[in-house]
Amino acid sequence: MGQLQELKSELDGLGFEIIAIAPDPPEKLAEVRDRVGLEFSLLSDVKFEAAKAYGVAFMNNRKRSLPVPSVFVIAPNRKIQFQYINPNYRERIDNDVLVAMARAVARDFEIGR
């Protein structure tokens, strides 16, 4: 999530809002937000409703649901214009790729002007 914090001002300037969703309870997310200094919305999805709706929930060997780290760029028409989903939680989207996609969507939908 620190990666998204680094991009916040640039994405804000393009007209985007960052919203992160995690499976932790709200109290734990508040601790993380304060400790890391996040300046964007961090929502709790304890029941995995959002993860399931976006198709990024899976069961691990212990029969426990886990989210797949994912990034979605959603346009004003509420349609996903770009998605990055990688089951290897150690690999994250490159900042330059995410910003390039956001710029393309902002241009195509004339947002952030």
N, C-alpha and C. Protein backbone atom coordinates (compact mmCIF):
# COMPACT_ATOMS: atom_id res chain seq x y z
N MET A 1 0.81 -1.20 0.00
CA MET A 1 0.00 0.00 0.00
C MET A 1 0.85 1.26 0.00
N GLY A 2 2.08 1.09 0.46
CA GLY A 2 3.00 2.21 0.43
C GLY A 2 3.26 2.66 -1.01
N GLN A 3 3.26 1.68 -1.93
CA GLN A 3 3.47 2.00 -3.34
C GLN A 3 2.37 2.93 -3.83
N LEU A 4 1.13 2.65 -3.44
CA LEU A 4 0.02 3.51 -3.86
C LEU A 4 0.12 4.89 -3.24
N GLN A 5 0.60 4.95 -2.00
CA GLN A 5 0.78 6.25 -1.35
C GLN A 5 1.77 7.10 -2.14
N GLU A 6 2.83 6.46 -2.64
CA GLU A 6 3.83 7.18 -3.44
C GLU A 6 3.22 7.79 -4.70
N LEU A 7 2.21 7.14 -5.25
CA LEU A 7 1.59 7.59 -6.50
C LEU A 7 0.38 8.49 -6.29
N LYS A 8 -0.01 8.69 -5.04
CA LYS A 8 -1.26 9.39 -4.76
C LYS A 8 -1.36 10.76 -5.41
N SER A 9 -0.36 11.59 -5.25
CA SER A 9 -0.48 12.95 -5.81
C SER A 9 -0.57 12.92 -7.33
N GLU A 10 0.18 12.03 -7.96
CA GLU A 10 0.12 11.94 -9.42
C GLU A 10 -1.24 11.43 -9.89
N LEU A 11 -1.77 10.41 -9.22
CA LEU A 11 -3.08 9.87 -9.59
C LEU A 11 -4.19 10.87 -9.27
N ASP A 12 -4.06 11.59 -8.16
CA ASP A 12 -5.02 12.65 -7.84
C ASP A 12 -5.06 13.68 -8.97
N GLY A 13 -3.87 14.07 -9.44
CA GLY A 13 -3.77 15.06 -10.51
C GLY A 13 -4.41 14.61 -11.81
N LEU A 14 -4.49 13.31 -12.01
CA LEU A 14 -5.13 12.77 -13.20
C LEU A 14 -6.64 12.60 -13.01
N GLY A 15 -7.13 12.87 -11.80
CA GLY A 15 -8.56 12.77 -11.53
C GLY A 15 -9.00 11.44 -10.94
N PHE A 16 -8.05 10.65 -10.44
CA PHE A 16 -8.39 9.36 -9.87
C PHE A 16 -8.39 9.40 -8.34
N GLU A 17 -9.15 8.51 -7.77
CA GLU A 17 -9.18 8.33 -6.32
C GLU A 17 -8.68 6.93 -6.03
N ILE A 18 -7.78 6.82 -5.08
CA ILE A 18 -7.29 5.50 -4.67
C ILE A 18 -8.18 4.98 -3.55
N ILE A 19 -8.64 3.76 -3.73
CA ILE A 19 -9.41 3.07 -2.70
C ILE A 19 -8.79 1.69 -2.57
N ALA A 20 -8.28 1.37 -1.39
CA ALA A 20 -7.70 0.05 -1.15
C ALA A 20 -8.68 -0.77 -0.32
N ILE A 21 -8.73 -2.05 -0.62
CA ILE A 21 -9.62 -2.96 0.09
C ILE A 21 -8.78 -4.12 0.61
N ALA A 22 -8.92 -4.41 1.90
CA ALA A 22 -8.14 -5.48 2.53
C ALA A 22 -9.05 -6.35 3.39
N PRO A 23 -8.65 -7.60 3.65
CA PRO A 23 -9.51 -8.51 4.40
C PRO A 23 -9.46 -8.31 5.92
N ASP A 24 -8.68 -7.37 6.39
CA ASP A 24 -8.53 -7.17 7.82
C ASP A 24 -9.70 -6.38 8.40
N PRO A 25 -9.96 -6.52 9.70
CA PRO A 25 -11.04 -5.75 10.32
C PRO A 25 -10.69 -4.25 10.36
N PRO A 26 -11.70 -3.40 10.43
CA PRO A 26 -11.49 -1.95 10.39
C PRO A 26 -10.47 -1.44 11.42
N GLU A 27 -10.48 -2.02 12.62
CA GLU A 27 -9.56 -1.54 13.66
C GLU A 27 -8.10 -1.76 13.24
N LYS A 28 -7.82 -2.92 12.67
CA LYS A 28 -6.45 -3.21 12.23
C LYS A 28 -6.06 -2.31 11.06
N LEU A 29 -7.00 -2.07 10.15
CA LEU A 29 -6.71 -1.20 9.02
C LEU A 29 -6.44 0.23 9.48
N ALA A 30 -7.16 0.68 10.50
CA ALA A 30 -6.90 2.02 11.05
C ALA A 30 -5.49 2.11 11.61
N GLU A 31 -5.05 1.05 12.28
CA GLU A 31 -3.68 1.02 12.81
C GLU A 31 -2.65 1.09 11.68
N VAL A 32 -2.88 0.31 10.63
CA VAL A 32 -1.97 0.31 9.49
C VAL A 32 -1.95 1.68 8.83
N ARG A 33 -3.13 2.24 8.60
CA ARG A 33 -3.24 3.56 7.97
C ARG A 33 -2.45 4.59 8.75
N ASP A 34 -2.60 4.59 10.06
CA ASP A 34 -1.90 5.56 10.90
C ASP A 34 -0.40 5.30 10.95
N ARG A 35 -0.01 4.04 11.07
CA ARG A 35 1.41 3.69 11.18
C ARG A 35 2.16 4.02 9.90
N VAL A 36 1.55 3.70 8.74
CA VAL A 36 2.21 3.90 7.46
C VAL A 36 1.99 5.32 6.92
N GLY A 37 0.96 5.99 7.43
CA GLY A 37 0.66 7.34 6.96
C GLY A 37 -0.08 7.37 5.64
N LEU A 38 -0.99 6.43 5.46
CA LEU A 38 -1.77 6.39 4.22
C LEU A 38 -2.75 7.55 4.17
N GLU A 39 -2.87 8.14 3.00
CA GLU A 39 -3.76 9.28 2.81
C GLU A 39 -4.87 8.96 1.81
N PHE A 40 -5.25 7.71 1.75
CA PHE A 40 -6.35 7.31 0.87
C PHE A 40 -7.26 6.36 1.63
N SER A 41 -8.43 6.09 1.06
CA SER A 41 -9.41 5.22 1.71
C SER A 41 -8.91 3.80 1.78
N LEU A 42 -9.05 3.21 2.94
CA LEU A 42 -8.67 1.82 3.18
C LEU A 42 -9.89 1.12 3.77
N LEU A 43 -10.53 0.28 2.96
CA LEU A 43 -11.79 -0.34 3.35
C LEU A 43 -11.59 -1.79 3.75
N SER A 44 -12.42 -2.24 4.68
CA SER A 44 -12.37 -3.61 5.20
C SER A 44 -13.32 -4.52 4.42
N ASP A 45 -12.84 -5.70 4.07
CA ASP A 45 -13.63 -6.70 3.36
C ASP A 45 -13.48 -8.05 4.07
N VAL A 46 -13.85 -8.07 5.35
CA VAL A 46 -13.67 -9.25 6.19
C VAL A 46 -14.39 -10.47 5.62
N LYS A 47 -15.55 -10.26 5.02
CA LYS A 47 -16.34 -11.38 4.48
C LYS A 47 -15.97 -11.71 3.03
N PHE A 48 -14.99 -11.01 2.47
CA PHE A 48 -14.51 -11.25 1.11
C PHE A 48 -15.57 -11.00 0.04
N GLU A 49 -16.53 -10.16 0.34
CA GLU A 49 -17.57 -9.88 -0.65
C GLU A 49 -17.01 -9.14 -1.86
N ALA A 50 -16.20 -8.13 -1.63
CA ALA A 50 -15.59 -7.39 -2.75
C ALA A 50 -14.61 -8.28 -3.50
N ALA A 51 -13.78 -9.02 -2.77
CA ALA A 51 -12.80 -9.91 -3.42
C ALA A 51 -13.50 -10.92 -4.31
N LYS A 52 -14.59 -11.48 -3.84
CA LYS A 52 -15.33 -12.45 -4.65
C LYS A 52 -15.98 -11.77 -5.85
N ALA A 53 -16.54 -10.58 -5.64
CA ALA A 53 -17.20 -9.85 -6.74
C ALA A 53 -16.21 -9.50 -7.86
N TYR A 54 -14.98 -9.19 -7.48
CA TYR A 54 -13.95 -8.86 -8.48
C TYR A 54 -13.18 -10.10 -8.95
N GLY A 55 -13.52 -11.25 -8.42
CA GLY A 55 -12.88 -12.50 -8.84
C GLY A 55 -11.45 -12.65 -8.38
N VAL A 56 -11.12 -12.08 -7.22
CA VAL A 56 -9.75 -12.13 -6.74
C VAL A 56 -9.61 -12.81 -5.38
N ALA A 57 -10.57 -13.66 -5.02
CA ALA A 57 -10.50 -14.43 -3.78
C ALA A 57 -10.16 -15.88 -4.14
N PHE A 58 -9.34 -16.49 -3.32
CA PHE A 58 -9.03 -17.89 -3.54
C PHE A 58 -8.88 -18.59 -2.18
N MET A 59 -8.97 -19.91 -2.21
CA MET A 59 -8.81 -20.71 -0.99
C MET A 59 -7.39 -21.24 -0.95
N ASN A 60 -6.72 -21.08 0.19
CA ASN A 60 -5.38 -21.63 0.32
C ASN A 60 -5.45 -23.07 0.83
N ASN A 61 -4.30 -23.66 1.10
CA ASN A 61 -4.25 -25.06 1.55
C ASN A 61 -4.99 -25.31 2.85
N ARG A 62 -5.13 -24.29 3.65
CA ARG A 62 -5.81 -24.43 4.94
C ARG A 62 -7.31 -24.14 4.84
N LYS A 63 -7.81 -24.08 3.62
CA LYS A 63 -9.23 -23.81 3.36
C LYS A 63 -9.64 -22.44 3.90
N ARG A 64 -8.74 -21.50 3.77
CA ARG A 64 -8.98 -20.14 4.23
C ARG A 64 -8.97 -19.21 3.02
N SER A 65 -9.93 -18.31 2.94
CA SER A 65 -9.97 -17.37 1.83
C SER A 65 -8.84 -16.35 1.96
N LEU A 66 -8.23 -16.04 0.83
CA LEU A 66 -7.21 -15.01 0.75
C LEU A 66 -7.46 -14.19 -0.50
N PRO A 67 -7.12 -12.90 -0.47
CA PRO A 67 -7.27 -12.09 -1.67
C PRO A 67 -6.00 -12.17 -2.52
N VAL A 68 -6.15 -12.05 -3.81
CA VAL A 68 -5.02 -11.94 -4.72
C VAL A 68 -4.73 -10.45 -4.87
N PRO A 69 -3.49 -10.01 -4.65
CA PRO A 69 -3.18 -8.60 -4.83
C PRO A 69 -3.57 -8.13 -6.24
N SER A 70 -4.34 -7.07 -6.31
CA SER A 70 -4.89 -6.62 -7.58
C SER A 70 -4.99 -5.11 -7.62
N VAL A 71 -4.95 -4.58 -8.83
CA VAL A 71 -5.15 -3.15 -9.05
C VAL A 71 -6.14 -3.01 -10.20
N PHE A 72 -7.15 -2.18 -10.01
CA PHE A 72 -8.14 -1.92 -11.05
C PHE A 72 -8.18 -0.43 -11.31
N VAL A 73 -8.23 -0.06 -12.58
CA VAL A 73 -8.46 1.34 -12.96
C VAL A 73 -9.88 1.36 -13.52
N ILE A 74 -10.74 2.10 -12.83
CA ILE A 74 -12.15 2.14 -13.19
C ILE A 74 -12.47 3.53 -13.72
N ALA A 75 -13.09 3.58 -14.87
CA ALA A 75 -13.43 4.84 -15.52
C ALA A 75 -14.73 5.42 -14.97
N PRO A 76 -15.03 6.67 -15.30
CA PRO A 76 -16.29 7.28 -14.83
C PRO A 76 -17.54 6.50 -15.24
N ASN A 77 -17.46 5.70 -16.30
CA ASN A 77 -18.63 4.91 -16.71
C ASN A 77 -18.77 3.64 -15.85
N ARG A 78 -17.90 3.53 -14.79
CA ARG A 78 -17.92 2.43 -13.83
C ARG A 78 -17.47 1.09 -14.41
N LYS A 79 -16.81 1.14 -15.54
CA LYS A 79 -16.28 -0.08 -16.15
C LYS A 79 -14.78 -0.15 -15.91
N ILE A 80 -14.31 -1.37 -15.69
CA ILE A 80 -12.89 -1.59 -15.48
C ILE A 80 -12.18 -1.38 -16.82
N GLN A 81 -11.24 -0.45 -16.84
CA GLN A 81 -10.48 -0.18 -18.04
C GLN A 81 -9.12 -0.88 -18.04
N PHE A 82 -8.66 -1.23 -16.85
CA PHE A 82 -7.37 -1.91 -16.72
C PHE A 82 -7.39 -2.70 -15.43
N GLN A 83 -6.79 -3.88 -15.48
CA GLN A 83 -6.65 -4.67 -14.25
C GLN A 83 -5.31 -5.36 -14.22
N TYR A 84 -4.75 -5.42 -13.05
CA TYR A 84 -3.50 -6.15 -12.82
C TYR A 84 -3.79 -7.10 -11.67
N ILE A 85 -3.70 -8.39 -11.94
CA ILE A 85 -3.96 -9.42 -10.94
C ILE A 85 -2.81 -10.40 -11.01
N ASN A 86 -2.14 -10.59 -9.87
CA ASN A 86 -1.01 -11.50 -9.84
C ASN A 86 -1.06 -12.31 -8.55
N PRO A 87 -1.26 -13.61 -8.65
CA PRO A 87 -1.35 -14.43 -7.44
C PRO A 87 -0.06 -14.47 -6.62
N ASN A 88 1.06 -14.05 -7.20
CA ASN A 88 2.30 -13.97 -6.44
C ASN A 88 2.32 -12.64 -5.71
N TYR A 89 2.00 -12.66 -4.43
CA TYR A 89 1.86 -11.43 -3.65
C TYR A 89 3.17 -10.65 -3.54
N ARG A 90 4.28 -11.26 -3.89
CA ARG A 90 5.58 -10.56 -3.83
C ARG A 90 5.79 -9.66 -5.04
N GLU A 91 5.05 -9.90 -6.11
CA GLU A 91 5.19 -9.11 -7.33
C GLU A 91 4.07 -8.09 -7.40
N ARG A 92 4.45 -6.85 -7.55
CA ARG A 92 3.47 -5.76 -7.64
C ARG A 92 3.58 -5.09 -8.99
N ILE A 93 2.56 -4.38 -9.36
CA ILE A 93 2.58 -3.66 -10.62
C ILE A 93 3.64 -2.57 -10.56
N ASP A 94 4.32 -2.38 -11.66
CA ASP A 94 5.32 -1.33 -11.77
C ASP A 94 4.62 0.03 -11.73
N ASN A 95 5.17 0.96 -10.96
CA ASN A 95 4.57 2.29 -10.85
C ASN A 95 4.37 2.96 -12.20
N ASP A 96 5.37 2.86 -13.08
CA ASP A 96 5.28 3.50 -14.39
C ASP A 96 4.15 2.91 -15.23
N VAL A 97 3.93 1.62 -15.13
CA VAL A 97 2.84 0.97 -15.88
C VAL A 97 1.50 1.47 -15.37
N LEU A 98 1.33 1.52 -14.06
CA LEU A 98 0.07 1.98 -13.48
C LEU A 98 -0.22 3.43 -13.87
N VAL A 99 0.78 4.28 -13.77
CA VAL A 99 0.58 5.69 -14.13
C VAL A 99 0.28 5.83 -15.62
N ALA A 100 0.95 5.07 -16.46
CA ALA A 100 0.69 5.12 -17.90
C ALA A 100 -0.75 4.71 -18.21
N MET A 101 -1.23 3.67 -17.53
CA MET A 101 -2.62 3.24 -17.75
C MET A 101 -3.60 4.29 -17.26
N ALA A 102 -3.31 4.88 -16.12
CA ALA A 102 -4.18 5.93 -15.59
C ALA A 102 -4.22 7.12 -16.55
N ARG A 103 -3.07 7.49 -17.09
CA ARG A 103 -3.03 8.60 -18.06
C ARG A 103 -3.87 8.28 -19.29
N ALA A 104 -3.75 7.05 -19.77
CA ALA A 104 -4.51 6.65 -20.96
C ALA A 104 -6.01 6.71 -20.70
N VAL A 105 -6.43 6.21 -19.55
CA VAL A 105 -7.86 6.24 -19.21
C VAL A 105 -8.32 7.69 -19.02
N ALA A 106 -7.51 8.50 -18.34
CA ALA A 106 -7.86 9.91 -18.13
C ALA A 106 -8.02 10.62 -19.47
N ARG A 107 -7.12 10.34 -20.40
CA ARG A 107 -7.19 10.94 -21.74
C ARG A 107 -8.45 10.47 -22.47
N ASP A 108 -8.69 9.18 -22.47
CA ASP A 108 -9.82 8.61 -23.19
C ASP A 108 -11.17 9.08 -22.65
N PHE A 109 -11.23 9.33 -21.35
CA PHE A 109 -12.50 9.73 -20.72
C PHE A 109 -12.50 11.20 -20.33
N GLU A 110 -11.45 11.91 -20.74
CA GLU A 110 -11.34 13.35 -20.47
C GLU A 110 -11.60 13.69 -19.01
N ILE A 111 -10.90 12.98 -18.13
CA ILE A 111 -11.03 13.27 -16.69
C ILE A 111 -9.75 13.95 -16.23
N GLY A 112 -9.85 14.63 -15.11
CA GLY A 112 -8.69 15.28 -14.52
C GLY A 112 -8.29 16.55 -15.24
N ARG A 113 -9.19 17.12 -16.04
CA ARG A 113 -8.86 18.34 -16.78
C ARG A 113 -9.54 19.53 -16.17
